[in-house]
N, C-alpha and C. Protein backbone atom coordinates (compact mmCIF):
# COMPACT_ATOMS: atom_id res chain seq x y z
N MET A 1 -1.84 13.23 9.43
CA MET A 1 -0.78 12.29 9.15
C MET A 1 -0.20 11.80 10.48
N HIS A 2 0.27 10.58 10.47
CA HIS A 2 0.82 9.96 11.66
C HIS A 2 2.33 10.12 11.69
N GLU A 3 2.90 9.90 12.87
CA GLU A 3 4.34 10.04 13.05
C GLU A 3 5.08 9.06 12.15
N ARG A 4 6.01 9.57 11.36
CA ARG A 4 6.75 8.75 10.41
C ARG A 4 8.25 8.79 10.69
N MET A 5 8.98 7.90 10.04
CA MET A 5 10.44 7.84 10.16
C MET A 5 11.02 8.87 9.20
N LEU A 6 11.34 10.06 9.72
CA LEU A 6 11.70 11.19 8.87
C LEU A 6 13.19 11.53 8.83
N ASP A 7 14.03 10.78 9.54
CA ASP A 7 15.46 11.08 9.55
C ASP A 7 16.13 10.37 8.37
N LYS A 8 16.40 11.13 7.34
CA LYS A 8 16.97 10.58 6.11
C LYS A 8 18.38 10.02 6.33
N GLU A 9 19.06 10.52 7.33
CA GLU A 9 20.44 10.11 7.59
C GLU A 9 20.54 8.75 8.27
N VAL A 10 19.45 8.30 8.87
CA VAL A 10 19.45 7.01 9.59
C VAL A 10 18.64 6.00 8.79
N ILE A 11 19.32 5.10 8.13
CA ILE A 11 18.65 4.07 7.33
C ILE A 11 18.14 2.99 8.28
N PRO A 12 16.83 2.78 8.33
CA PRO A 12 16.30 1.81 9.29
C PRO A 12 16.54 0.36 8.86
N SER A 13 16.84 -0.47 9.84
CA SER A 13 16.95 -1.91 9.58
C SER A 13 15.54 -2.50 9.61
N GLU A 14 15.40 -3.74 9.15
CA GLU A 14 14.10 -4.39 9.20
C GLU A 14 13.61 -4.48 10.65
N ASN A 15 14.51 -4.75 11.58
CA ASN A 15 14.16 -4.80 12.99
C ASN A 15 13.65 -3.44 13.48
N ASP A 16 14.32 -2.36 13.08
CA ASP A 16 13.88 -1.00 13.43
C ASP A 16 12.47 -0.74 12.90
N ILE A 17 12.24 -1.17 11.68
CA ILE A 17 10.94 -0.95 11.03
C ILE A 17 9.84 -1.68 11.80
N PHE A 18 10.05 -2.96 12.09
CA PHE A 18 9.03 -3.74 12.79
C PHE A 18 8.78 -3.20 14.20
N LYS A 19 9.82 -2.76 14.85
CA LYS A 19 9.67 -2.17 16.19
C LYS A 19 8.83 -0.89 16.12
N TYR A 20 9.08 -0.09 15.11
CA TYR A 20 8.36 1.17 14.93
C TYR A 20 6.89 0.93 14.59
N LEU A 21 6.64 -0.05 13.72
CA LEU A 21 5.28 -0.37 13.32
C LEU A 21 4.47 -0.98 14.46
N GLY A 22 5.12 -1.69 15.34
CA GLY A 22 4.42 -2.40 16.40
C GLY A 22 4.04 -3.79 15.92
N GLU A 23 3.70 -4.65 16.87
CA GLU A 23 3.45 -6.06 16.56
C GLU A 23 2.30 -6.26 15.57
N TYR A 24 1.17 -5.63 15.81
CA TYR A 24 0.01 -5.86 14.95
C TYR A 24 0.26 -5.35 13.53
N SER A 25 0.76 -4.14 13.40
CA SER A 25 0.99 -3.58 12.07
C SER A 25 2.12 -4.32 11.34
N SER A 26 3.08 -4.84 12.08
CA SER A 26 4.13 -5.67 11.46
C SER A 26 3.51 -6.93 10.85
N ARG A 27 2.56 -7.52 11.56
CA ARG A 27 1.86 -8.70 11.03
C ARG A 27 1.07 -8.34 9.77
N LEU A 28 0.41 -7.17 9.78
CA LEU A 28 -0.33 -6.73 8.58
C LEU A 28 0.62 -6.50 7.41
N LEU A 29 1.78 -5.92 7.70
CA LEU A 29 2.78 -5.69 6.64
C LEU A 29 3.23 -7.03 6.05
N LYS A 30 3.51 -8.00 6.90
CA LYS A 30 3.92 -9.31 6.41
C LYS A 30 2.80 -9.95 5.59
N TYR A 31 1.57 -9.80 6.04
CA TYR A 31 0.41 -10.32 5.31
C TYR A 31 0.33 -9.67 3.92
N LEU A 32 0.46 -8.34 3.88
CA LEU A 32 0.43 -7.62 2.60
C LEU A 32 1.53 -8.12 1.68
N GLU A 33 2.73 -8.28 2.20
CA GLU A 33 3.85 -8.72 1.37
C GLU A 33 3.65 -10.15 0.87
N LEU A 34 3.09 -11.02 1.71
CA LEU A 34 2.80 -12.39 1.27
C LEU A 34 1.80 -12.38 0.12
N LYS A 35 0.75 -11.56 0.26
CA LYS A 35 -0.26 -11.45 -0.80
C LYS A 35 0.35 -10.90 -2.09
N LEU A 36 1.17 -9.87 -1.96
CA LEU A 36 1.81 -9.29 -3.14
C LEU A 36 2.74 -10.30 -3.81
N ALA A 37 3.52 -11.01 -3.00
CA ALA A 37 4.45 -11.99 -3.54
C ALA A 37 3.72 -13.16 -4.22
N ALA A 38 2.52 -13.48 -3.73
CA ALA A 38 1.73 -14.54 -4.34
C ALA A 38 1.15 -14.12 -5.69
N ASN A 39 0.96 -12.83 -5.88
CA ASN A 39 0.31 -12.32 -7.08
C ASN A 39 1.23 -11.67 -8.10
N TYR A 40 2.44 -11.31 -7.67
CA TYR A 40 3.34 -10.55 -8.55
C TYR A 40 4.77 -11.05 -8.40
N LYS A 41 5.58 -10.68 -9.38
CA LYS A 41 7.03 -10.88 -9.25
C LYS A 41 7.53 -9.65 -8.48
N LEU A 42 7.45 -9.76 -7.18
CA LEU A 42 7.59 -8.60 -6.29
C LEU A 42 9.03 -8.14 -6.13
N VAL A 43 9.19 -6.83 -6.30
CA VAL A 43 10.46 -6.17 -6.03
C VAL A 43 10.18 -5.15 -4.92
N LYS A 44 10.95 -5.22 -3.83
CA LYS A 44 10.76 -4.32 -2.69
C LYS A 44 12.05 -3.53 -2.48
N GLU A 45 11.90 -2.20 -2.44
CA GLU A 45 13.06 -1.33 -2.24
C GLU A 45 12.80 -0.40 -1.06
N LEU A 46 13.77 -0.28 -0.16
CA LEU A 46 13.69 0.70 0.92
C LEU A 46 14.04 2.05 0.33
N ARG A 47 13.14 3.03 0.47
CA ARG A 47 13.32 4.33 -0.15
C ARG A 47 12.97 5.46 0.81
N PHE A 48 13.45 6.64 0.48
CA PHE A 48 13.08 7.89 1.15
C PHE A 48 12.62 8.85 0.05
N PRO A 49 11.44 8.58 -0.55
CA PRO A 49 10.99 9.40 -1.68
C PRO A 49 10.23 10.64 -1.22
N PHE A 50 10.06 11.57 -2.08
CA PHE A 50 9.19 12.73 -1.88
C PHE A 50 9.60 13.67 -0.75
N GLY A 51 10.81 13.58 -0.25
CA GLY A 51 11.25 14.52 0.77
C GLY A 51 10.78 14.19 2.18
N ASN A 52 10.94 15.16 3.07
CA ASN A 52 10.74 14.93 4.50
C ASN A 52 9.30 14.74 4.95
N ASN A 53 8.32 14.98 4.10
CA ASN A 53 6.93 14.80 4.54
C ASN A 53 6.51 13.34 4.57
N TYR A 54 7.17 12.50 3.80
CA TYR A 54 6.78 11.09 3.72
C TYR A 54 7.71 10.17 4.50
N GLY A 55 8.99 10.43 4.46
CA GLY A 55 9.94 9.62 5.22
C GLY A 55 10.24 8.28 4.57
N TRP A 56 10.75 7.37 5.40
CA TRP A 56 11.17 6.05 4.94
C TRP A 56 9.97 5.17 4.63
N GLY A 57 10.16 4.33 3.62
CA GLY A 57 9.13 3.37 3.27
C GLY A 57 9.64 2.40 2.23
N TYR A 58 8.76 1.53 1.81
CA TYR A 58 9.07 0.58 0.75
C TYR A 58 8.39 1.00 -0.54
N LYS A 59 9.09 0.82 -1.62
CA LYS A 59 8.49 0.93 -2.94
C LYS A 59 8.32 -0.50 -3.44
N TYR A 60 7.10 -0.85 -3.80
CA TYR A 60 6.81 -2.18 -4.32
C TYR A 60 6.56 -2.09 -5.82
N SER A 61 7.15 -3.04 -6.55
CA SER A 61 6.98 -3.10 -7.99
C SER A 61 6.74 -4.54 -8.41
N ASN A 62 6.12 -4.69 -9.55
CA ASN A 62 5.99 -5.97 -10.22
C ASN A 62 7.01 -5.92 -11.36
N ASN A 63 8.14 -6.60 -11.18
CA ASN A 63 9.29 -6.40 -12.07
C ASN A 63 9.61 -4.91 -12.06
N ALA A 64 9.46 -4.22 -13.19
CA ALA A 64 9.78 -2.79 -13.25
C ALA A 64 8.53 -1.91 -13.16
N THR A 65 7.33 -2.51 -13.05
CA THR A 65 6.09 -1.74 -13.00
C THR A 65 5.75 -1.38 -11.57
N HIS A 66 5.67 -0.10 -11.30
CA HIS A 66 5.39 0.39 -9.95
C HIS A 66 4.00 -0.04 -9.49
N LEU A 67 3.93 -0.58 -8.26
CA LEU A 67 2.65 -0.93 -7.64
C LEU A 67 2.21 0.13 -6.65
N CYS A 68 3.05 0.40 -5.64
CA CYS A 68 2.67 1.35 -4.59
C CYS A 68 3.87 1.68 -3.71
N TYR A 69 3.68 2.67 -2.87
CA TYR A 69 4.61 2.98 -1.80
C TYR A 69 3.95 2.63 -0.49
N LEU A 70 4.74 2.23 0.50
CA LEU A 70 4.25 1.97 1.84
C LEU A 70 5.15 2.75 2.79
N PHE A 71 4.55 3.64 3.59
CA PHE A 71 5.32 4.48 4.50
C PHE A 71 5.14 4.01 5.93
N PHE A 72 6.28 3.90 6.63
CA PHE A 72 6.30 3.42 8.01
C PHE A 72 5.78 4.51 8.94
N GLU A 73 4.90 4.11 9.83
CA GLU A 73 4.34 5.03 10.83
C GLU A 73 4.37 4.37 12.19
N LYS A 74 4.35 5.19 13.21
CA LYS A 74 4.32 4.68 14.58
C LYS A 74 3.04 3.87 14.75
N GLU A 75 3.17 2.58 15.03
CA GLU A 75 2.05 1.66 15.24
C GLU A 75 1.17 1.50 14.00
N GLY A 76 1.75 1.67 12.81
CA GLY A 76 0.96 1.49 11.60
C GLY A 76 1.77 1.80 10.35
N PHE A 77 1.09 1.81 9.23
CA PHE A 77 1.70 2.19 7.96
C PHE A 77 0.60 2.69 7.03
N THR A 78 1.02 3.46 6.03
CA THR A 78 0.09 3.95 5.02
C THR A 78 0.60 3.53 3.65
N VAL A 79 -0.32 3.01 2.84
CA VAL A 79 -0.01 2.64 1.47
C VAL A 79 -0.50 3.77 0.57
N LEU A 80 0.38 4.23 -0.31
CA LEU A 80 0.06 5.27 -1.28
C LEU A 80 0.06 4.62 -2.66
N LEU A 81 -1.11 4.64 -3.31
CA LEU A 81 -1.21 4.02 -4.62
C LEU A 81 -2.00 4.89 -5.57
N GLN A 82 -1.72 4.74 -6.84
CA GLN A 82 -2.37 5.54 -7.88
C GLN A 82 -3.26 4.66 -8.73
N ILE A 83 -4.46 5.15 -8.99
CA ILE A 83 -5.39 4.49 -9.91
C ILE A 83 -5.59 5.45 -11.09
N ASN A 84 -5.45 4.92 -12.32
CA ASN A 84 -5.62 5.77 -13.50
C ASN A 84 -7.07 5.79 -13.96
N GLY A 85 -7.32 6.41 -15.10
CA GLY A 85 -8.69 6.54 -15.61
C GLY A 85 -9.37 5.22 -15.89
N LYS A 86 -8.66 4.26 -16.49
CA LYS A 86 -9.24 2.94 -16.74
C LYS A 86 -9.54 2.24 -15.42
N GLY A 87 -8.63 2.38 -14.48
CA GLY A 87 -8.83 1.79 -13.16
C GLY A 87 -10.02 2.39 -12.44
N LYS A 88 -10.22 3.69 -12.64
CA LYS A 88 -11.37 4.37 -12.04
C LYS A 88 -12.66 3.73 -12.54
N GLU A 89 -12.73 3.45 -13.83
CA GLU A 89 -13.93 2.82 -14.40
C GLU A 89 -14.18 1.45 -13.77
N VAL A 90 -13.13 0.67 -13.59
CA VAL A 90 -13.26 -0.66 -12.99
C VAL A 90 -13.73 -0.54 -11.54
N LEU A 91 -13.13 0.36 -10.80
CA LEU A 91 -13.51 0.56 -9.41
C LEU A 91 -14.96 1.01 -9.30
N GLU A 92 -15.34 1.99 -10.07
CA GLU A 92 -16.71 2.51 -10.01
C GLU A 92 -17.73 1.44 -10.41
N LYS A 93 -17.38 0.61 -11.35
CA LYS A 93 -18.28 -0.44 -11.83
C LYS A 93 -18.47 -1.55 -10.78
N ASN A 94 -17.48 -1.73 -9.90
CA ASN A 94 -17.49 -2.82 -8.92
C ASN A 94 -17.49 -2.31 -7.49
N ARG A 95 -18.15 -1.21 -7.24
CA ARG A 95 -18.15 -0.58 -5.91
C ARG A 95 -18.57 -1.54 -4.79
N GLU A 96 -19.48 -2.45 -5.09
CA GLU A 96 -19.99 -3.36 -4.05
C GLU A 96 -18.91 -4.34 -3.58
N ALA A 97 -17.81 -4.46 -4.30
CA ALA A 97 -16.73 -5.38 -3.93
C ALA A 97 -15.78 -4.80 -2.89
N TYR A 98 -15.98 -3.51 -2.55
CA TYR A 98 -15.05 -2.83 -1.66
C TYR A 98 -15.70 -2.45 -0.34
N LEU A 99 -14.87 -2.34 0.68
CA LEU A 99 -15.32 -1.87 1.98
C LEU A 99 -15.74 -0.40 1.89
N GLN A 100 -16.59 0.01 2.79
CA GLN A 100 -17.02 1.41 2.84
C GLN A 100 -15.82 2.35 3.02
N LYS A 101 -14.88 1.95 3.87
CA LYS A 101 -13.69 2.78 4.09
C LYS A 101 -12.93 2.99 2.77
N THR A 102 -12.80 1.95 1.99
CA THR A 102 -12.08 2.03 0.72
C THR A 102 -12.77 3.02 -0.21
N LEU A 103 -14.08 2.93 -0.29
CA LEU A 103 -14.85 3.84 -1.15
C LEU A 103 -14.72 5.29 -0.67
N GLU A 104 -14.72 5.50 0.64
CA GLU A 104 -14.56 6.85 1.19
C GLU A 104 -13.17 7.40 0.87
N LEU A 105 -12.15 6.56 1.01
CA LEU A 105 -10.80 7.00 0.68
C LEU A 105 -10.68 7.32 -0.81
N TRP A 106 -11.35 6.54 -1.64
CA TRP A 106 -11.36 6.80 -3.08
C TRP A 106 -12.02 8.16 -3.35
N GLU A 107 -13.13 8.43 -2.71
CA GLU A 107 -13.82 9.71 -2.90
C GLU A 107 -12.96 10.89 -2.45
N ARG A 108 -12.10 10.68 -1.46
CA ARG A 108 -11.23 11.74 -0.93
C ARG A 108 -9.83 11.69 -1.52
N ARG A 109 -9.63 10.96 -2.61
CA ARG A 109 -8.32 10.80 -3.23
C ARG A 109 -7.75 12.14 -3.67
N TYR A 110 -6.43 12.16 -3.87
CA TYR A 110 -5.78 13.32 -4.45
C TYR A 110 -5.90 13.16 -5.97
N PRO A 111 -6.63 14.05 -6.64
CA PRO A 111 -6.88 13.85 -8.06
C PRO A 111 -5.61 13.94 -8.91
N CYS A 112 -5.59 13.10 -9.92
CA CYS A 112 -4.48 13.07 -10.87
C CYS A 112 -5.03 12.51 -12.18
N GLY A 113 -5.21 13.36 -13.17
CA GLY A 113 -5.81 12.93 -14.42
C GLY A 113 -7.23 12.47 -14.17
N GLU A 114 -7.62 11.35 -14.77
CA GLU A 114 -8.95 10.79 -14.59
C GLU A 114 -9.09 10.04 -13.26
N GLY A 115 -7.97 9.64 -12.68
CA GLY A 115 -7.98 8.85 -11.45
C GLY A 115 -7.48 9.65 -10.27
N GLY A 116 -6.52 9.08 -9.56
CA GLY A 116 -5.96 9.80 -8.43
C GLY A 116 -5.14 8.91 -7.52
N TRP A 117 -4.59 9.55 -6.48
CA TRP A 117 -3.76 8.89 -5.48
C TRP A 117 -4.59 8.64 -4.23
N VAL A 118 -4.48 7.43 -3.71
CA VAL A 118 -5.19 7.03 -2.50
C VAL A 118 -4.17 6.76 -1.40
N ASN A 119 -4.39 7.35 -0.23
CA ASN A 119 -3.61 7.06 0.97
C ASN A 119 -4.44 6.15 1.85
N TYR A 120 -3.96 4.93 2.07
CA TYR A 120 -4.76 3.92 2.80
C TYR A 120 -3.96 3.42 3.99
N ARG A 121 -4.46 3.67 5.21
CA ARG A 121 -3.86 3.14 6.44
C ARG A 121 -4.72 1.99 6.93
N PRO A 122 -4.30 0.75 6.66
CA PRO A 122 -5.14 -0.40 7.03
C PRO A 122 -5.02 -0.75 8.52
N PHE A 123 -6.14 -1.23 9.06
CA PHE A 123 -6.19 -1.67 10.45
C PHE A 123 -6.64 -3.12 10.57
N SER A 124 -6.83 -3.80 9.43
CA SER A 124 -7.31 -5.18 9.46
C SER A 124 -6.88 -5.90 8.19
N GLU A 125 -7.01 -7.23 8.21
CA GLU A 125 -6.74 -8.01 7.01
C GLU A 125 -7.72 -7.65 5.90
N ALA A 126 -8.98 -7.40 6.26
CA ALA A 126 -10.00 -7.04 5.26
C ALA A 126 -9.61 -5.75 4.53
N GLU A 127 -9.13 -4.76 5.28
CA GLU A 127 -8.69 -3.51 4.64
C GLU A 127 -7.45 -3.74 3.80
N THR A 128 -6.56 -4.61 4.28
CA THR A 128 -5.36 -4.95 3.50
C THR A 128 -5.77 -5.66 2.21
N ASP A 129 -6.78 -6.52 2.30
CA ASP A 129 -7.28 -7.20 1.10
C ASP A 129 -7.84 -6.19 0.09
N ASP A 130 -8.47 -5.12 0.57
CA ASP A 130 -8.97 -4.10 -0.35
C ASP A 130 -7.82 -3.36 -1.03
N ILE A 131 -6.72 -3.17 -0.32
CA ILE A 131 -5.54 -2.57 -0.95
C ILE A 131 -5.07 -3.47 -2.09
N ILE A 132 -5.04 -4.76 -1.84
CA ILE A 132 -4.65 -5.72 -2.88
C ILE A 132 -5.60 -5.62 -4.07
N LYS A 133 -6.90 -5.52 -3.80
CA LYS A 133 -7.89 -5.41 -4.89
C LYS A 133 -7.64 -4.14 -5.72
N LEU A 134 -7.30 -3.04 -5.05
CA LEU A 134 -7.00 -1.81 -5.77
C LEU A 134 -5.74 -1.98 -6.63
N LEU A 135 -4.75 -2.65 -6.09
CA LEU A 135 -3.52 -2.89 -6.86
C LEU A 135 -3.78 -3.81 -8.05
N GLU A 136 -4.72 -4.75 -7.89
CA GLU A 136 -5.06 -5.65 -9.00
C GLU A 136 -5.73 -4.91 -10.14
N ILE A 137 -6.38 -3.79 -9.83
CA ILE A 137 -6.92 -2.93 -10.89
C ILE A 137 -5.77 -2.33 -11.69
N LYS A 138 -4.76 -1.92 -10.96
CA LYS A 138 -3.62 -1.24 -11.56
C LYS A 138 -2.74 -2.20 -12.38
N VAL A 139 -2.41 -3.35 -11.79
CA VAL A 139 -1.55 -4.34 -12.45
C VAL A 139 -2.19 -5.71 -12.25
N ARG A 140 -2.54 -6.34 -13.34
CA ARG A 140 -3.19 -7.66 -13.27
C ARG A 140 -2.25 -8.66 -12.59
N PRO A 141 -2.77 -9.39 -11.59
CA PRO A 141 -1.93 -10.38 -10.90
C PRO A 141 -1.67 -11.61 -11.76
N LYS A 142 -0.57 -12.31 -11.46
CA LYS A 142 -0.26 -13.53 -12.22
C LYS A 142 -1.22 -14.65 -11.83
N LYS A 143 -1.58 -14.73 -10.56
CA LYS A 143 -2.56 -15.69 -10.07
C LYS A 143 -2.87 -15.35 -8.63
N ASN A 144 -4.01 -15.77 -8.17
CA ASN A 144 -4.40 -15.51 -6.78
C ASN A 144 -4.18 -16.77 -5.96
N LYS A 145 -3.29 -16.66 -5.00
CA LYS A 145 -3.08 -17.74 -4.04
C LYS A 145 -3.68 -17.30 -2.71
N GLU A 146 -4.24 -18.22 -2.00
CA GLU A 146 -4.83 -17.91 -0.69
C GLU A 146 -3.70 -17.72 0.32
N VAL A 147 -3.73 -16.61 1.04
CA VAL A 147 -2.72 -16.30 2.04
C VAL A 147 -3.41 -15.94 3.34
N THR A 148 -2.96 -16.51 4.43
CA THR A 148 -3.47 -16.15 5.75
C THR A 148 -2.30 -15.93 6.70
N LEU A 149 -2.58 -15.24 7.78
CA LEU A 149 -1.52 -14.99 8.78
C LEU A 149 -1.34 -16.17 9.68
């Protein structure tokens, strides 16, 4: 695990978050949020869930339906998302649509029922796009708009 914002008493500002993530990861975060906003009625909440091991991050939802958590890390971030049993079938059926890294992370997921939890630390737009594809399995998007940085 990478260094995270673990001080629950200090609520980070958006400026603090972007500084912590670094320039490149801040751009990836903005790209992810643009893609999510284009596909969902996006709700973003700053949270400190799951205790001191995860730290500060955003919880993203489509209206009231949970999409994923994103945890702030030094020079990066990790997205934590859950795929259920039906989603597992879709993913397995369309393996060729995903990057090798995505498939490896899926194989190493934390099991939960028929599916599991995936921790994904993206380093590129392509990896961020795969996160979006995984979320689209979970919650059908309203429409796909093209988004670029």
